[in-house]
Amino acid sequence: MKKIGSILGHSGAILTVALAAISPFVLMGWFEKAVGDMGLRIHPAYSGGQISHTIARSGYRIVVYKKVGRTTPWQRVSPFIQAQWTPVSGLPAAVSDDVDLDGDGRADVRVSFTTAGLNMDVQPLDPRYHAMHSQGVTSFSTLIARVNDAIVVRLPAD
């Protein structure tokens, strides 16, 4: 009787370890579908929000995103608009562009930056936007950074 108990105990342990090792591979499709159906999304403060419009330039394009505002009173990220210059290979060494942020056909800011050192200067052409001088990441809502094959600029907005 003692031997049967030992065999059943060890067999159960081996079966449990085998199932634990195999189950992630067998159930991966089910987990992917369950998580995908939850409707989870990356917060716009991290992703930059949704694309508003694209401005074509000679050799590159500027992708302008919709304004990202505060979603909760305790959120520390100030409202911003993200713009993305892509591809980096098509950009000149010093970029200076008048950018329409709200899609009304008139330039709202003049963004100037160097692709090598990522020194940025923003001059407002519309009183709703602020001047900004930056190098790199100064905050989550005012930054310039190279991300893959794009230069991402976040401009503070009211």
N, C-alpha and C. Protein backbone atom coordinates (compact mmCIF):
# COMPACT_ATOMS: atom_id res chain seq x y z
N MET A 1 0.81 -1.19 0.00
CA MET A 1 0.00 0.00 0.00
C MET A 1 0.86 1.26 0.00
N LYS A 2 1.95 1.15 0.75
CA LYS A 2 2.84 2.29 0.83
C LYS A 2 3.47 2.58 -0.53
N LYS A 3 3.78 1.52 -1.27
CA LYS A 3 4.42 1.67 -2.57
C LYS A 3 3.45 2.29 -3.58
N ILE A 4 2.17 1.92 -3.54
CA ILE A 4 1.16 2.48 -4.46
C ILE A 4 0.97 3.97 -4.20
N GLY A 5 0.97 4.37 -2.91
CA GLY A 5 0.83 5.79 -2.55
C GLY A 5 2.01 6.60 -3.07
N SER A 6 3.19 6.04 -2.96
CA SER A 6 4.40 6.72 -3.44
C SER A 6 4.37 6.87 -4.96
N ILE A 7 3.96 5.82 -5.66
CA ILE A 7 3.89 5.87 -7.12
C ILE A 7 2.84 6.89 -7.57
N LEU A 8 1.67 6.87 -6.94
CA LEU A 8 0.62 7.83 -7.30
C LEU A 8 1.05 9.27 -7.00
N GLY A 9 1.73 9.50 -5.91
CA GLY A 9 2.20 10.83 -5.53
C GLY A 9 3.22 11.37 -6.52
N HIS A 10 4.20 10.54 -6.88
CA HIS A 10 5.22 10.95 -7.84
C HIS A 10 4.62 11.13 -9.24
N SER A 11 3.72 10.25 -9.62
CA SER A 11 3.06 10.38 -10.93
C SER A 11 2.27 11.68 -11.00
N GLY A 12 1.56 12.01 -9.92
CA GLY A 12 0.80 13.26 -9.88
C GLY A 12 1.70 14.48 -9.98
N ALA A 13 2.86 14.42 -9.30
CA ALA A 13 3.80 15.54 -9.34
C ALA A 13 4.37 15.71 -10.76
N ILE A 14 4.75 14.61 -11.38
CA ILE A 14 5.30 14.67 -12.75
C ILE A 14 4.25 15.18 -13.72
N LEU A 15 3.02 14.72 -13.60
CA LEU A 15 1.93 15.18 -14.47
C LEU A 15 1.66 16.68 -14.27
N THR A 16 1.71 17.14 -13.04
CA THR A 16 1.48 18.56 -12.74
C THR A 16 2.58 19.42 -13.36
N VAL A 17 3.83 19.01 -13.24
CA VAL A 17 4.95 19.76 -13.82
C VAL A 17 4.83 19.76 -15.35
N ALA A 18 4.49 18.63 -15.94
CA ALA A 18 4.34 18.55 -17.40
C ALA A 18 3.21 19.46 -17.88
N LEU A 19 2.08 19.46 -17.20
CA LEU A 19 0.96 20.33 -17.59
C LEU A 19 1.32 21.81 -17.43
N ALA A 20 2.06 22.13 -16.36
CA ALA A 20 2.48 23.51 -16.13
C ALA A 20 3.42 23.98 -17.23
N ALA A 21 4.27 23.09 -17.73
CA ALA A 21 5.21 23.45 -18.79
C ALA A 21 4.53 23.58 -20.15
N ILE A 22 3.52 22.77 -20.41
CA ILE A 22 2.87 22.75 -21.72
C ILE A 22 1.72 23.76 -21.82
N SER A 23 1.05 24.06 -20.73
CA SER A 23 -0.17 24.89 -20.79
C SER A 23 0.02 26.28 -21.40
N PRO A 24 1.13 26.99 -21.17
CA PRO A 24 1.24 28.30 -21.83
C PRO A 24 1.21 28.21 -23.36
N PHE A 25 1.79 27.15 -23.91
CA PHE A 25 1.80 27.00 -25.36
C PHE A 25 0.43 26.61 -25.89
N VAL A 26 -0.27 25.78 -25.17
CA VAL A 26 -1.59 25.33 -25.59
C VAL A 26 -2.62 26.44 -25.43
N LEU A 27 -2.53 27.20 -24.35
CA LEU A 27 -3.54 28.21 -24.04
C LEU A 27 -3.18 29.61 -24.54
N MET A 28 -2.03 29.81 -25.21
CA MET A 28 -1.60 31.14 -25.64
C MET A 28 -2.63 31.81 -26.54
N GLY A 29 -3.19 31.11 -27.49
CA GLY A 29 -4.21 31.68 -28.37
C GLY A 29 -5.43 32.15 -27.60
N TRP A 30 -5.84 31.38 -26.62
CA TRP A 30 -6.99 31.77 -25.80
C TRP A 30 -6.68 33.02 -24.99
N PHE A 31 -5.48 33.10 -24.38
CA PHE A 31 -5.09 34.28 -23.62
C PHE A 31 -5.01 35.51 -24.51
N GLU A 32 -4.44 35.38 -25.70
CA GLU A 32 -4.36 36.51 -26.64
C GLU A 32 -5.75 37.03 -26.97
N LYS A 33 -6.66 36.13 -27.28
CA LYS A 33 -8.01 36.54 -27.62
C LYS A 33 -8.71 37.19 -26.43
N ALA A 34 -8.55 36.63 -25.24
CA ALA A 34 -9.19 37.19 -24.04
C ALA A 34 -8.68 38.60 -23.75
N VAL A 35 -7.38 38.80 -23.82
CA VAL A 35 -6.81 40.13 -23.56
C VAL A 35 -7.19 41.09 -24.69
N GLY A 36 -7.18 40.63 -25.93
CA GLY A 36 -7.55 41.47 -27.07
C GLY A 36 -9.00 41.92 -27.00
N ASP A 37 -9.87 41.07 -26.52
CA ASP A 37 -11.29 41.40 -26.41
C ASP A 37 -11.60 42.36 -25.26
N MET A 38 -10.66 42.56 -24.37
CA MET A 38 -10.88 43.48 -23.25
C MET A 38 -10.91 44.94 -23.70
N GLY A 39 -10.36 45.24 -24.87
CA GLY A 39 -10.36 46.61 -25.37
C GLY A 39 -9.33 47.49 -24.68
N LEU A 40 -8.29 46.89 -24.14
CA LEU A 40 -7.24 47.67 -23.49
C LEU A 40 -6.46 48.46 -24.53
N ARG A 41 -6.11 49.69 -24.19
CA ARG A 41 -5.34 50.54 -25.09
C ARG A 41 -4.24 51.24 -24.30
N ILE A 42 -3.18 51.59 -25.00
CA ILE A 42 -2.12 52.37 -24.38
C ILE A 42 -2.63 53.79 -24.18
N HIS A 43 -2.40 54.35 -23.02
CA HIS A 43 -2.88 55.69 -22.71
C HIS A 43 -2.25 56.70 -23.69
N PRO A 44 -3.03 57.68 -24.17
CA PRO A 44 -2.51 58.66 -25.12
C PRO A 44 -1.30 59.44 -24.61
N ALA A 45 -1.15 59.59 -23.30
CA ALA A 45 0.02 60.28 -22.76
C ALA A 45 1.31 59.54 -23.10
N TYR A 46 1.22 58.23 -23.32
CA TYR A 46 2.38 57.44 -23.68
C TYR A 46 2.51 57.26 -25.20
N SER A 47 1.39 57.10 -25.89
CA SER A 47 1.42 56.82 -27.32
C SER A 47 1.39 58.08 -28.18
N GLY A 48 0.94 59.20 -27.63
CA GLY A 48 0.84 60.44 -28.41
C GLY A 48 -0.57 60.71 -28.89
N GLY A 49 -1.47 59.78 -28.72
CA GLY A 49 -2.86 59.99 -29.13
C GLY A 49 -3.14 59.44 -30.51
N GLN A 50 -4.22 59.95 -31.11
CA GLN A 50 -4.63 59.51 -32.44
C GLN A 50 -4.12 60.48 -33.49
N ILE A 51 -3.85 59.96 -34.68
CA ILE A 51 -3.36 60.80 -35.77
C ILE A 51 -4.48 61.72 -36.25
N SER A 52 -4.16 63.00 -36.38
CA SER A 52 -5.11 64.00 -36.86
C SER A 52 -4.97 64.18 -38.37
N HIS A 53 -3.76 64.51 -38.82
CA HIS A 53 -3.52 64.70 -40.25
C HIS A 53 -2.03 64.60 -40.54
N THR A 54 -1.70 64.51 -41.81
CA THR A 54 -0.31 64.39 -42.25
C THR A 54 0.00 65.53 -43.21
N ILE A 55 1.17 66.12 -43.05
CA ILE A 55 1.63 67.20 -43.92
C ILE A 55 2.80 66.67 -44.73
N ALA A 56 2.68 66.69 -46.05
CA ALA A 56 3.73 66.18 -46.92
C ALA A 56 4.75 67.29 -47.19
N ARG A 57 6.01 66.94 -47.10
CA ARG A 57 7.12 67.83 -47.43
C ARG A 57 8.00 67.11 -48.45
N SER A 58 8.96 67.80 -48.98
CA SER A 58 9.86 67.22 -49.97
C SER A 58 10.81 66.23 -49.29
N GLY A 59 10.60 64.95 -49.48
CA GLY A 59 11.47 63.91 -48.94
C GLY A 59 11.06 63.38 -47.57
N TYR A 60 10.11 64.01 -46.92
CA TYR A 60 9.66 63.55 -45.61
C TYR A 60 8.23 64.02 -45.38
N ARG A 61 7.65 63.59 -44.28
CA ARG A 61 6.30 64.01 -43.94
C ARG A 61 6.21 64.30 -42.45
N ILE A 62 5.24 65.12 -42.10
CA ILE A 62 4.99 65.46 -40.70
C ILE A 62 3.63 64.88 -40.33
N VAL A 63 3.62 64.00 -39.35
CA VAL A 63 2.38 63.40 -38.87
C VAL A 63 1.98 64.15 -37.60
N VAL A 64 0.82 64.80 -37.64
CA VAL A 64 0.33 65.58 -36.50
C VAL A 64 -0.77 64.77 -35.80
N TYR A 65 -0.66 64.68 -34.49
CA TYR A 65 -1.61 63.92 -33.69
C TYR A 65 -2.64 64.87 -33.06
N LYS A 66 -3.75 64.31 -32.62
CA LYS A 66 -4.76 65.10 -31.92
C LYS A 66 -4.24 65.49 -30.54
N LYS A 67 -4.78 66.56 -30.01
CA LYS A 67 -4.37 67.06 -28.71
C LYS A 67 -4.66 66.02 -27.62
N VAL A 68 -3.69 65.85 -26.74
CA VAL A 68 -3.84 64.96 -25.60
C VAL A 68 -3.99 65.84 -24.37
N GLY A 69 -5.12 65.74 -23.71
CA GLY A 69 -5.37 66.55 -22.51
C GLY A 69 -5.36 65.69 -21.26
N ARG A 70 -5.63 66.32 -20.16
CA ARG A 70 -5.71 65.58 -18.90
C ARG A 70 -7.01 64.78 -18.88
N THR A 71 -6.92 63.53 -18.49
CA THR A 71 -8.11 62.69 -18.39
C THR A 71 -8.60 62.57 -16.96
N THR A 72 -7.72 62.90 -16.01
CA THR A 72 -8.10 62.88 -14.60
C THR A 72 -7.48 64.10 -13.93
N PRO A 73 -8.07 64.59 -12.86
CA PRO A 73 -7.53 65.78 -12.20
C PRO A 73 -6.13 65.58 -11.61
N TRP A 74 -5.79 64.36 -11.24
CA TRP A 74 -4.49 64.11 -10.61
C TRP A 74 -3.42 63.70 -11.62
N GLN A 75 -3.71 63.73 -12.89
CA GLN A 75 -2.72 63.40 -13.91
C GLN A 75 -1.67 64.49 -13.98
N ARG A 76 -0.41 64.10 -14.00
CA ARG A 76 0.68 65.07 -13.99
C ARG A 76 1.11 65.54 -15.37
N VAL A 77 0.72 64.85 -16.40
CA VAL A 77 1.12 65.22 -17.76
C VAL A 77 0.27 66.39 -18.23
N SER A 78 0.93 67.47 -18.63
CA SER A 78 0.21 68.65 -19.14
C SER A 78 -0.29 68.36 -20.54
N PRO A 79 -1.32 69.07 -21.01
CA PRO A 79 -1.82 68.87 -22.36
C PRO A 79 -0.74 69.14 -23.41
N PHE A 80 -0.72 68.33 -24.45
CA PHE A 80 0.29 68.50 -25.52
C PHE A 80 -0.26 68.01 -26.85
N ILE A 81 0.43 68.40 -27.91
CA ILE A 81 0.17 67.89 -29.26
C ILE A 81 1.48 67.30 -29.75
N GLN A 82 1.41 66.09 -30.27
CA GLN A 82 2.60 65.41 -30.75
C GLN A 82 2.69 65.54 -32.27
N ALA A 83 3.88 65.82 -32.76
CA ALA A 83 4.15 65.83 -34.20
C ALA A 83 5.36 64.94 -34.44
N GLN A 84 5.36 64.28 -35.59
CA GLN A 84 6.40 63.30 -35.87
C GLN A 84 6.95 63.54 -37.27
N TRP A 85 8.25 63.76 -37.39
CA TRP A 85 8.92 63.94 -38.68
C TRP A 85 9.51 62.60 -39.08
N THR A 86 9.12 62.11 -40.25
CA THR A 86 9.57 60.79 -40.69
C THR A 86 9.71 60.75 -42.21
N PRO A 87 10.61 60.02 -42.79
CA PRO A 87 11.72 59.28 -42.20
C PRO A 87 12.90 60.21 -41.90
N VAL A 88 13.71 59.82 -40.95
CA VAL A 88 14.87 60.64 -40.56
C VAL A 88 15.84 60.77 -41.72
N SER A 89 15.96 59.74 -42.54
CA SER A 89 16.89 59.77 -43.68
C SER A 89 16.49 60.85 -44.70
N GLY A 90 15.23 61.27 -44.73
CA GLY A 90 14.79 62.30 -45.66
C GLY A 90 14.88 63.71 -45.11
N LEU A 91 15.27 63.85 -43.84
CA LEU A 91 15.34 65.16 -43.22
C LEU A 91 16.68 65.84 -43.48
N PRO A 92 16.69 67.16 -43.66
CA PRO A 92 17.96 67.88 -43.73
C PRO A 92 18.60 67.94 -42.34
N ALA A 93 19.85 68.38 -42.26
CA ALA A 93 20.54 68.45 -40.97
C ALA A 93 19.87 69.43 -40.03
N ALA A 94 19.34 70.53 -40.58
CA ALA A 94 18.60 71.51 -39.78
C ALA A 94 17.22 71.66 -40.39
N VAL A 95 16.20 71.39 -39.60
CA VAL A 95 14.81 71.42 -40.07
C VAL A 95 14.14 72.67 -39.52
N SER A 96 13.40 73.35 -40.36
CA SER A 96 12.58 74.48 -39.92
C SER A 96 11.27 74.41 -40.70
N ASP A 97 10.19 74.11 -40.00
CA ASP A 97 8.89 73.93 -40.64
C ASP A 97 7.82 74.73 -39.93
N ASP A 98 6.93 75.34 -40.72
CA ASP A 98 5.71 75.92 -40.19
C ASP A 98 4.68 74.80 -40.17
N VAL A 99 4.11 74.53 -39.01
CA VAL A 99 3.24 73.38 -38.84
C VAL A 99 1.84 73.82 -38.43
N ASP A 100 0.85 73.29 -39.13
CA ASP A 100 -0.56 73.51 -38.81
C ASP A 100 -0.97 72.41 -37.83
N LEU A 101 -1.15 72.75 -36.57
CA LEU A 101 -1.46 71.75 -35.55
C LEU A 101 -2.93 71.40 -35.47
N ASP A 102 -3.81 72.35 -35.78
CA ASP A 102 -5.24 72.09 -35.62
C ASP A 102 -5.95 71.75 -36.92
N GLY A 103 -5.24 71.73 -38.05
CA GLY A 103 -5.83 71.31 -39.31
C GLY A 103 -6.71 72.35 -39.99
N ASP A 104 -6.56 73.63 -39.63
CA ASP A 104 -7.39 74.67 -40.24
C ASP A 104 -6.76 75.30 -41.48
N GLY A 105 -5.58 74.84 -41.87
CA GLY A 105 -4.93 75.35 -43.08
C GLY A 105 -3.96 76.49 -42.81
N ARG A 106 -3.86 76.97 -41.58
CA ARG A 106 -2.92 78.04 -41.22
C ARG A 106 -1.88 77.48 -40.26
N ALA A 107 -0.63 77.91 -40.46
CA ALA A 107 0.45 77.45 -39.59
C ALA A 107 0.25 77.99 -38.18
N ASP A 108 0.44 77.14 -37.19
CA ASP A 108 0.26 77.52 -35.79
C ASP A 108 1.59 77.73 -35.07
N VAL A 109 2.61 76.98 -35.44
CA VAL A 109 3.94 77.10 -34.83
C VAL A 109 5.01 76.91 -35.89
N ARG A 110 6.19 77.47 -35.61
CA ARG A 110 7.37 77.22 -36.44
C ARG A 110 8.31 76.38 -35.59
N VAL A 111 8.56 75.17 -36.04
CA VAL A 111 9.41 74.24 -35.31
C VAL A 111 10.74 74.13 -36.03
N SER A 112 11.81 74.39 -35.29
CA SER A 112 13.17 74.28 -35.84
C SER A 112 13.96 73.35 -34.95
N PHE A 113 14.69 72.43 -35.56
CA PHE A 113 15.54 71.53 -34.78
C PHE A 113 16.65 70.99 -35.65
N THR A 114 17.69 70.49 -34.99
CA THR A 114 18.79 69.84 -35.69
C THR A 114 18.66 68.34 -35.47
N THR A 115 18.91 67.59 -36.50
CA THR A 115 18.76 66.14 -36.39
C THR A 115 19.91 65.50 -35.63
N ALA A 116 21.06 66.15 -35.59
CA ALA A 116 22.21 65.56 -34.90
C ALA A 116 22.10 65.70 -33.38
N GLY A 117 21.94 66.92 -32.89
CA GLY A 117 21.92 67.13 -31.44
C GLY A 117 20.54 67.22 -30.86
N LEU A 118 19.52 67.22 -31.71
CA LEU A 118 18.13 67.35 -31.27
C LEU A 118 17.92 68.58 -30.39
N ASN A 119 18.43 69.73 -30.86
CA ASN A 119 18.16 71.01 -30.22
C ASN A 119 16.94 71.60 -30.90
N MET A 120 15.90 71.93 -30.12
CA MET A 120 14.63 72.35 -30.70
C MET A 120 14.29 73.77 -30.27
N ASP A 121 13.66 74.49 -31.20
CA ASP A 121 13.17 75.83 -30.93
C ASP A 121 11.78 75.92 -31.55
N VAL A 122 10.78 76.29 -30.74
CA VAL A 122 9.41 76.42 -31.23
C VAL A 122 8.97 77.87 -31.04
N GLN A 123 8.55 78.49 -32.15
CA GLN A 123 8.01 79.85 -32.11
C GLN A 123 6.52 79.78 -32.41
N PRO A 124 5.69 80.30 -31.51
CA PRO A 124 4.25 80.26 -31.77
C PRO A 124 3.84 81.29 -32.81
N LEU A 125 2.98 80.89 -33.73
CA LEU A 125 2.40 81.79 -34.72
C LEU A 125 0.93 82.05 -34.39
N ASP A 126 0.45 81.37 -33.36
CA ASP A 126 -0.92 81.48 -32.87
C ASP A 126 -0.84 81.61 -31.35
N PRO A 127 -1.60 82.52 -30.74
CA PRO A 127 -1.48 82.73 -29.28
C PRO A 127 -1.90 81.53 -28.42
N ARG A 128 -2.53 80.51 -29.00
CA ARG A 128 -2.92 79.33 -28.22
C ARG A 128 -1.75 78.42 -27.90
N TYR A 129 -0.62 78.66 -28.54
CA TYR A 129 0.55 77.79 -28.35
C TYR A 129 1.68 78.58 -27.71
N HIS A 130 2.64 77.87 -27.12
CA HIS A 130 3.71 78.50 -26.34
C HIS A 130 5.06 78.31 -27.03
N ALA A 131 5.95 79.29 -26.78
CA ALA A 131 7.33 79.15 -27.25
C ALA A 131 8.01 78.07 -26.41
N MET A 132 8.95 77.40 -27.02
CA MET A 132 9.64 76.33 -26.31
C MET A 132 11.05 76.18 -26.86
N HIS A 133 12.00 76.00 -25.96
CA HIS A 133 13.39 75.74 -26.31
C HIS A 133 13.79 74.50 -25.52
N SER A 134 14.24 73.49 -26.21
CA SER A 134 14.46 72.24 -25.51
C SER A 134 15.56 71.43 -26.18
N GLN A 135 16.16 70.59 -25.39
CA GLN A 135 17.08 69.60 -25.91
C GLN A 135 16.77 68.29 -25.19
N GLY A 136 16.25 67.32 -25.94
CA GLY A 136 15.94 66.03 -25.36
C GLY A 136 14.60 66.03 -24.63
N VAL A 137 14.53 65.25 -23.58
CA VAL A 137 13.29 65.07 -22.83
C VAL A 137 13.35 65.94 -21.57
N THR A 138 12.55 67.00 -21.55
CA THR A 138 12.50 67.84 -20.35
C THR A 138 11.30 67.46 -19.49
N SER A 139 10.23 67.02 -20.11
CA SER A 139 9.06 66.50 -19.40
C SER A 139 8.30 65.62 -20.37
N PHE A 140 7.24 65.00 -19.89
CA PHE A 140 6.48 64.09 -20.74
C PHE A 140 5.68 64.84 -21.80
N SER A 141 5.38 66.12 -21.55
CA SER A 141 4.57 66.89 -22.49
C SER A 141 5.38 67.90 -23.29
N THR A 142 6.67 68.02 -23.05
CA THR A 142 7.55 68.87 -23.85
C THR A 142 8.84 68.11 -24.09
N LEU A 143 8.97 67.56 -25.28
CA LEU A 143 10.16 66.77 -25.56
C LEU A 143 10.46 66.73 -27.04
N ILE A 144 11.70 66.36 -27.34
CA ILE A 144 12.11 65.99 -28.68
C ILE A 144 12.95 64.73 -28.52
N ALA A 145 12.64 63.72 -29.32
CA ALA A 145 13.35 62.44 -29.20
C ALA A 145 13.33 61.73 -30.54
N ARG A 146 14.35 60.94 -30.77
CA ARG A 146 14.37 60.08 -31.95
C ARG A 146 13.79 58.74 -31.55
N VAL A 147 12.74 58.31 -32.27
CA VAL A 147 12.08 57.04 -32.01
C VAL A 147 12.05 56.27 -33.32
N ASN A 148 12.82 55.20 -33.39
CA ASN A 148 12.97 54.39 -34.61
C ASN A 148 13.40 55.30 -35.76
N ASP A 149 12.59 55.43 -36.80
CA ASP A 149 12.96 56.23 -37.96
C ASP A 149 12.19 57.54 -37.99
N ALA A 150 11.98 58.15 -36.83
CA ALA A 150 11.22 59.40 -36.75
C ALA A 150 11.78 60.29 -35.65
N ILE A 151 11.57 61.59 -35.82
CA ILE A 151 11.86 62.56 -34.76
C ILE A 151 10.50 62.96 -34.19
N VAL A 152 10.29 62.71 -32.90
CA VAL A 152 9.02 62.99 -32.24
C VAL A 152 9.18 64.26 -31.42
N VAL A 153 8.24 65.19 -31.61
CA VAL A 153 8.23 66.46 -30.87
C VAL A 153 6.89 66.57 -30.18
N ARG A 154 6.90 66.87 -28.90
CA ARG A 154 5.65 67.12 -28.16
C ARG A 154 5.63 68.60 -27.78
N LEU A 155 4.56 69.26 -28.18
CA LEU A 155 4.40 70.69 -27.98
C LEU A 155 3.33 70.97 -26.95
N PRO A 156 3.62 71.79 -25.93
CA PRO A 156 2.59 72.08 -24.94
C PRO A 156 1.43 72.83 -25.55
N ALA A 157 0.22 72.51 -25.13
CA ALA A 157 -0.98 73.16 -25.67
C ALA A 157 -1.90 73.52 -24.53
N ASP A 158 -2.72 74.53 -24.74
CA ASP A 158 -3.72 74.93 -23.73
C ASP A 158 -4.95 74.09 -23.82
